[in-house]
Amino acid sequence: MPRKGPIPPTAVVISGTRKIMHAQFEFVQQILEGLKANIFITGGCEGVDTFACCELVRSRPKAKHIVVVPYKYKWNVGHHYWAEEHGCEVLDMPKPDRGDKRHPNIIRNAYMLELARELAPERARLVAFPGGPDEVLRSGTWATIREAGRQQMPFGIYPLSTAPASRQSGVWVV
């Protein structure tokens, strides 16, 4: 029996490492191509965030694209301007509350998950691209994975070290 009414929104948050080798771009692209969503939220940092945003805007121009920039993050401004010019909503995070001692990137990551839940309450997901398969305590990507677990949000983990040819020497793109 066909579905009646509009398809409910599905929001995907993309989180990943800042360091990505040329051999890993195709791996990330293949994962992104398999995503079924109409809302994509990325973090505005260099590396996986930027690549994912650009690829998703190119391949899914009708989707809603949101780039969430950490407080006082000025390292990737060119991408933020590009994202705005290509129809993305770019959100700059406000100054954290005085009592919040978390790093601005960690605050941003938690907000991205909350935003996904707000936009697609029953269909929010995290797709994470950490550097490797082992959890790292001082990693924003792994902190986002842990937060998704606390929020009981479904997530997929795609370590870049498992990408074909990722162990070959290559140029790091940041």
C-alpha atoms as a PDB file:
ATOM      1  CA  MET A   1       0.000   0.000   0.000  1.00  0.00           C
ATOM      2  CA  PRO A   2       1.537   3.381  -0.969  1.00  0.00           C
ATOM      3  CA  ARG A   3       2.404   5.870   1.740  1.00  0.00           C
ATOM      4  CA  LYS A   4      -0.151   8.618   2.252  1.00  0.00           C
ATOM      5  CA  GLY A   5       1.013  12.156   2.833  1.00  0.00           C
ATOM      6  CA  PRO A   6       4.468  13.694   2.697  1.00  0.00           C
ATOM      7  CA  ILE A   7       7.580  11.666   3.464  1.00  0.00           C
ATOM      8  CA  PRO A   8       8.834  12.566   6.947  1.00  0.00           C
ATOM      9  CA  PRO A   9      12.174  14.355   7.041  1.00  0.00           C
ATOM     10  CA  THR A  10      15.357  12.405   7.624  1.00  0.00           C
ATOM     11  CA  ALA A  11      18.327  14.315   9.024  1.00  0.00           C
ATOM     12  CA  VAL A  12      21.904  13.063   8.807  1.00  0.00           C
ATOM     13  CA  VAL A  13      24.709  14.631  10.813  1.00  0.00           C
ATOM     14  CA  ILE A  14      28.181  14.149   9.322  1.00  0.00           C
ATOM     15  CA  SER A  15      31.167  14.184  11.665  1.00  0.00           C
ATOM     16  CA  GLY A  16      34.740  13.379  10.742  1.00  0.00           C
ATOM     17  CA  THR A  17      38.417  13.945  11.153  1.00  0.00           C
ATOM     18  CA  ARG A  18      40.185  17.010   9.817  1.00  0.00           C
ATOM     19  CA  LYS A  19      42.920  14.886   8.257  1.00  0.00           C
ATOM     20  CA  ILE A  20      42.016  12.938   5.168  1.00  0.00           C
ATOM     21  CA  MET A  21      44.270  11.391   2.532  1.00  0.00           C
ATOM     22  CA  HIS A  22      43.525  11.489  -1.176  1.00  0.00           C
ATOM     23  CA  ALA A  23      42.925   7.728  -1.185  1.00  0.00           C
ATOM     24  CA  GLN A  24      40.110   8.170   1.368  1.00  0.00           C
ATOM     25  CA  PHE A  25      37.970  10.663  -0.576  1.00  0.00           C
ATOM     26  CA  GLU A  26      36.387   7.949  -2.730  1.00  0.00           C
ATOM     27  CA  PHE A  27      35.578   5.900   0.394  1.00  0.00           C
ATOM     28  CA  VAL A  28      33.784   8.866   2.000  1.00  0.00           C
ATOM     29  CA  GLN A  29      32.021   9.662  -1.269  1.00  0.00           C
ATOM     30  CA  GLN A  30      30.696   6.094  -1.560  1.00  0.00           C
ATOM     31  CA  ILE A  31      29.240   6.253   1.958  1.00  0.00           C
ATOM     32  CA  LEU A  32      27.657   9.645   1.239  1.00  0.00           C
ATOM     33  CA  GLU A  33      26.104   8.371  -2.000  1.00  0.00           C
ATOM     34  CA  GLY A  34      24.294   5.654  -0.056  1.00  0.00           C
ATOM     35  CA  LEU A  35      22.610   8.053   2.362  1.00  0.00           C
ATOM     36  CA  LYS A  36      18.867   8.497   2.069  1.00  0.00           C
ATOM     37  CA  ALA A  37      18.009  11.845   3.637  1.00  0.00           C
ATOM     38  CA  ASN A  38      16.650  15.267   2.837  1.00  0.00           C
ATOM     39  CA  ILE A  39      18.504  17.208   5.553  1.00  0.00           C
ATOM     40  CA  PHE A  40      22.296  17.156   5.936  1.00  0.00           C
ATOM     41  CA  ILE A  41      24.155  18.825   8.809  1.00  0.00           C
ATOM     42  CA  THR A  42      27.939  19.270   8.721  1.00  0.00           C
ATOM     43  CA  GLY A  43      30.361  20.958  11.077  1.00  0.00           C
ATOM     44  CA  GLY A  44      32.143  23.574   8.972  1.00  0.00           C
ATOM     45  CA  CYS A  45      35.698  22.398   9.733  1.00  0.00           C
ATOM     46  CA  GLU A  46      38.282  21.441   7.146  1.00  0.00           C
ATOM     47  CA  GLY A  47      38.678  17.796   6.176  1.00  0.00           C
ATOM     48  CA  VAL A  48      35.661  15.475   6.162  1.00  0.00           C
ATOM     49  CA  ASP A  49      33.188  18.253   7.098  1.00  0.00           C
ATOM     50  CA  THR A  50      34.091  20.383   4.081  1.00  0.00           C
ATOM     51  CA  PHE A  51      34.364  17.477   1.649  1.00  0.00           C
ATOM     52  CA  ALA A  52      31.040  15.991   2.756  1.00  0.00           C
ATOM     53  CA  CYS A  53      29.247  19.330   2.513  1.00  0.00           C
ATOM     54  CA  CYS A  54      30.545  20.006  -0.999  1.00  0.00           C
ATOM     55  CA  GLU A  55      29.733  16.494  -2.222  1.00  0.00           C
ATOM     56  CA  LEU A  56      26.249  16.515  -0.715  1.00  0.00           C
ATOM     57  CA  VAL A  57      25.425  19.958  -2.128  1.00  0.00           C
ATOM     58  CA  ARG A  58      26.578  18.715  -5.552  1.00  0.00           C
ATOM     59  CA  SER A  59      24.744  15.385  -5.434  1.00  0.00           C
ATOM     60  CA  ARG A  60      21.639  16.460  -3.466  1.00  0.00           C
ATOM     61  CA  PRO A  61      20.902  20.052  -4.505  1.00  0.00           C
ATOM     62  CA  LYS A  62      17.233  19.867  -3.407  1.00  0.00           C
ATOM     63  CA  ALA A  63      18.077  18.758   0.142  1.00  0.00           C
ATOM     64  CA  LYS A  64      18.396  21.159   3.054  1.00  0.00           C
ATOM     65  CA  HIS A  65      22.085  21.698   3.885  1.00  0.00           C
ATOM     66  CA  ILE A  66      23.147  23.183   7.219  1.00  0.00           C
ATOM     67  CA  VAL A  67      26.714  24.049   8.203  1.00  0.00           C
ATOM     68  CA  VAL A  68      27.204  24.650  11.933  1.00  0.00           C
ATOM     69  CA  VAL A  69      30.339  26.663  12.729  1.00  0.00           C
ATOM     70  CA  PRO A  70      31.918  26.491  16.225  1.00  0.00           C
ATOM     71  CA  TYR A  71      32.216  29.715  18.237  1.00  0.00           C
ATOM     72  CA  LYS A  72      35.112  31.888  16.991  1.00  0.00           C
ATOM     73  CA  TYR A  73      36.150  29.331  14.351  1.00  0.00           C
ATOM     74  CA  LYS A  74      37.975  31.291  11.642  1.00  0.00           C
ATOM     75  CA  TRP A  75      40.109  28.583   9.981  1.00  0.00           C
ATOM     76  CA  ASN A  76      37.720  27.636   7.172  1.00  0.00           C
ATOM     77  CA  VAL A  77      35.945  30.879   6.322  1.00  0.00           C
ATOM     78  CA  GLY A  78      36.314  30.323   2.569  1.00  0.00           C
ATOM     79  CA  HIS A  79      34.196  27.180   2.836  1.00  0.00           C
ATOM     80  CA  HIS A  80      31.590  28.989   4.921  1.00  0.00           C
ATOM     81  CA  TYR A  81      31.225  31.646   2.197  1.00  0.00           C
ATOM     82  CA  TRP A  82      31.074  28.922  -0.480  1.00  0.00           C
ATOM     83  CA  ALA A  83      28.363  27.110   1.485  1.00  0.00           C
ATOM     84  CA  GLU A  84      26.249  30.276   1.765  1.00  0.00           C
ATOM     85  CA  GLU A  85      26.670  30.989  -1.949  1.00  0.00           C
ATOM     86  CA  HIS A  86      25.470  27.453  -2.718  1.00  0.00           C
ATOM     87  CA  GLY A  87      22.279  27.703  -0.676  1.00  0.00           C
ATOM     88  CA  CYS A  88      23.442  26.203   2.614  1.00  0.00           C
ATOM     89  CA  GLU A  89      22.243  27.625   5.897  1.00  0.00           C
ATOM     90  CA  VAL A  90      25.385  28.573   7.830  1.00  0.00           C
ATOM     91  CA  LEU A  91      24.887  28.845  11.593  1.00  0.00           C
ATOM     92  CA  ASP A  92      27.565  30.453  13.760  1.00  0.00           C
ATOM     93  CA  MET A  93      27.456  29.102  17.296  1.00  0.00           C
ATOM     94  CA  PRO A  94      27.122  31.759  20.025  1.00  0.00           C
ATOM     95  CA  LYS A  95      29.588  32.257  22.838  1.00  0.00           C
ATOM     96  CA  PRO A  96      29.277  29.363  25.307  1.00  0.00           C
ATOM     97  CA  ASP A  97      27.792  29.954  28.741  1.00  0.00           C
ATOM     98  CA  ARG A  98      30.422  30.796  31.350  1.00  0.00           C
ATOM     99  CA  GLY A  99      29.828  27.552  33.207  1.00  0.00           C
ATOM    100  CA  ASP A 100      30.272  25.382  30.104  1.00  0.00           C
ATOM    101  CA  LYS A 101      33.909  24.285  30.051  1.00  0.00           C
ATOM    102  CA  ARG A 102      33.614  22.111  26.925  1.00  0.00           C
ATOM    103  CA  HIS A 103      35.597  23.019  23.806  1.00  0.00           C
ATOM    104  CA  PRO A 104      33.533  25.034  21.271  1.00  0.00           C
ATOM    105  CA  ASN A 105      33.828  22.171  18.740  1.00  0.00           C
ATOM    106  CA  ILE A 106      32.339  19.713  21.266  1.00  0.00           C
ATOM    107  CA  ILE A 107      29.487  22.132  21.998  1.00  0.00           C
ATOM    108  CA  ARG A 108      28.908  22.492  18.243  1.00  0.00           C
ATOM    109  CA  ASN A 109      28.863  18.706  17.763  1.00  0.00           C
ATOM    110  CA  ALA A 110      26.261  18.210  20.502  1.00  0.00           C
ATOM    111  CA  TYR A 111      24.177  21.009  18.984  1.00  0.00           C
ATOM    112  CA  MET A 112      24.276  19.360  15.536  1.00  0.00           C
ATOM    113  CA  LEU A 113      22.786  16.189  17.036  1.00  0.00           C
ATOM    114  CA  GLU A 114      20.112  18.176  18.883  1.00  0.00           C
ATOM    115  CA  LEU A 115      19.285  20.088  15.695  1.00  0.00           C
ATOM    116  CA  ALA A 116      18.910  16.852  13.737  1.00  0.00           C
ATOM    117  CA  ARG A 117      16.498  15.538  16.383  1.00  0.00           C
ATOM    118  CA  GLU A 118      14.531  18.777  16.274  1.00  0.00           C
ATOM    119  CA  LEU A 119      14.233  18.703  12.457  1.00  0.00           C
ATOM    120  CA  ALA A 120      13.572  14.954  12.169  1.00  0.00           C
ATOM    121  CA  PRO A 121      12.542  13.657  15.613  1.00  0.00           C
ATOM    122  CA  GLU A 122      12.181  10.007  14.641  1.00  0.00           C
ATOM    123  CA  ARG A 123      14.632   9.906  11.748  1.00  0.00           C
ATOM    124  CA  ALA A 124      17.854  11.582  12.868  1.00  0.00           C
ATOM    125  CA  ARG A 125      21.148   9.746  12.267  1.00  0.00           C
ATOM    126  CA  LEU A 126      24.892  10.278  12.692  1.00  0.00           C
ATOM    127  CA  VAL A 127      27.428   9.212  10.081  1.00  0.00           C
ATOM    128  CA  ALA A 128      30.935   9.399  11.550  1.00  0.00           C
ATOM    129  CA  PHE A 129      34.332   9.185   9.848  1.00  0.00           C
ATOM    130  CA  PRO A 130      36.993   8.863  12.573  1.00  0.00           C
ATOM    131  CA  GLY A 131      40.624   8.332  11.593  1.00  0.00           C
ATOM    132  CA  GLY A 132      40.640   4.758  12.882  1.00  0.00           C
ATOM    133  CA  PRO A 133      38.396   2.101  14.423  1.00  0.00           C
ATOM    134  CA  ASP A 134      39.626   2.491  18.007  1.00  0.00           C
ATOM    135  CA  GLU A 135      37.926   5.031  20.235  1.00  0.00           C
ATOM    136  CA  VAL A 136      40.050   8.082  21.036  1.00  0.00           C
ATOM    137  CA  LEU A 137      39.153  10.140  24.107  1.00  0.00           C
ATOM    138  CA  ARG A 138      40.516  13.425  22.754  1.00  0.00           C
ATOM    139  CA  SER A 139      38.693  13.298  19.432  1.00  0.00           C
ATOM    140  CA  GLY A 140      35.757  15.451  18.425  1.00  0.00           C
ATOM    141  CA  THR A 141      34.461  12.738  16.110  1.00  0.00           C
ATOM    142  CA  TRP A 142      34.547  10.115  18.851  1.00  0.00           C
ATOM    143  CA  ALA A 143      32.976  12.586  21.310  1.00  0.00           C
ATOM    144  CA  THR A 144      30.138  13.013  18.811  1.00  0.00           C
ATOM    145  CA  ILE A 145      29.727   9.241  18.525  1.00  0.00           C
ATOM    146  CA  ARG A 146      29.578   8.952  22.327  1.00  0.00           C
ATOM    147  CA  GLU A 147      27.018  11.771  22.501  1.00  0.00           C
ATOM    148  CA  ALA A 148      24.859  10.097  19.838  1.00  0.00           C
ATOM    149  CA  GLY A 149      24.975   6.936  21.950  1.00  0.00           C
ATOM    150  CA  ARG A 150      23.890   8.877  25.053  1.00  0.00           C
ATOM    151  CA  GLN A 151      21.019  10.362  23.059  1.00  0.00           C
ATOM    152  CA  GLN A 152      20.163   6.897  21.702  1.00  0.00           C
ATOM    153  CA  MET A 153      20.530   8.223  18.156  1.00  0.00           C
ATOM    154  CA  PRO A 154      21.386   5.625  15.501  1.00  0.00           C
ATOM    155  CA  PHE A 155      24.870   6.037  14.065  1.00  0.00           C
ATOM    156  CA  GLY A 156      27.261   4.490  11.586  1.00  0.00           C
ATOM    157  CA  ILE A 157      31.032   4.516  12.087  1.00  0.00           C
ATOM    158  CA  TYR A 158      33.247   4.449   8.977  1.00  0.00           C
ATOM    159  CA  PRO A 159      36.938   4.603  10.012  1.00  0.00           C
ATOM    160  CA  LEU A 160      39.052   6.205   7.320  1.00  0.00           C
ATOM    161  CA  SER A 161      41.857   3.742   8.031  1.00  0.00           C
ATOM    162  CA  THR A 162      39.662   1.008   6.508  1.00  0.00           C
ATOM    163  CA  ALA A 163      39.434   2.839   3.173  1.00  0.00           C
ATOM    164  CA  PRO A 164      41.162   1.029   0.310  1.00  0.00           C
ATOM    165  CA  ALA A 165      44.749   2.218  -0.140  1.00  0.00           C
ATOM    166  CA  SER A 166      44.564   4.414   2.980  1.00  0.00           C
ATOM    167  CA  ARG A 167      47.762   2.939   4.360  1.00  0.00           C
ATOM    168  CA  GLN A 168      49.748   4.029   1.331  1.00  0.00           C
ATOM    169  CA  SER A 169      51.753   7.173   1.626  1.00  0.00           C
ATOM    170  CA  GLY A 170      49.830  10.167   0.408  1.00  0.00           C
ATOM    171  CA  VAL A 171      49.263  13.827   0.859  1.00  0.00           C
ATOM    172  CA  TRP A 172      47.224  14.901   3.861  1.00  0.00           C
ATOM    173  CA  VAL A 173      44.503  17.354   3.011  1.00  0.00           C
ATOM    174  CA  VAL A 174      43.420  19.615   5.823  1.00  0.00           C
END
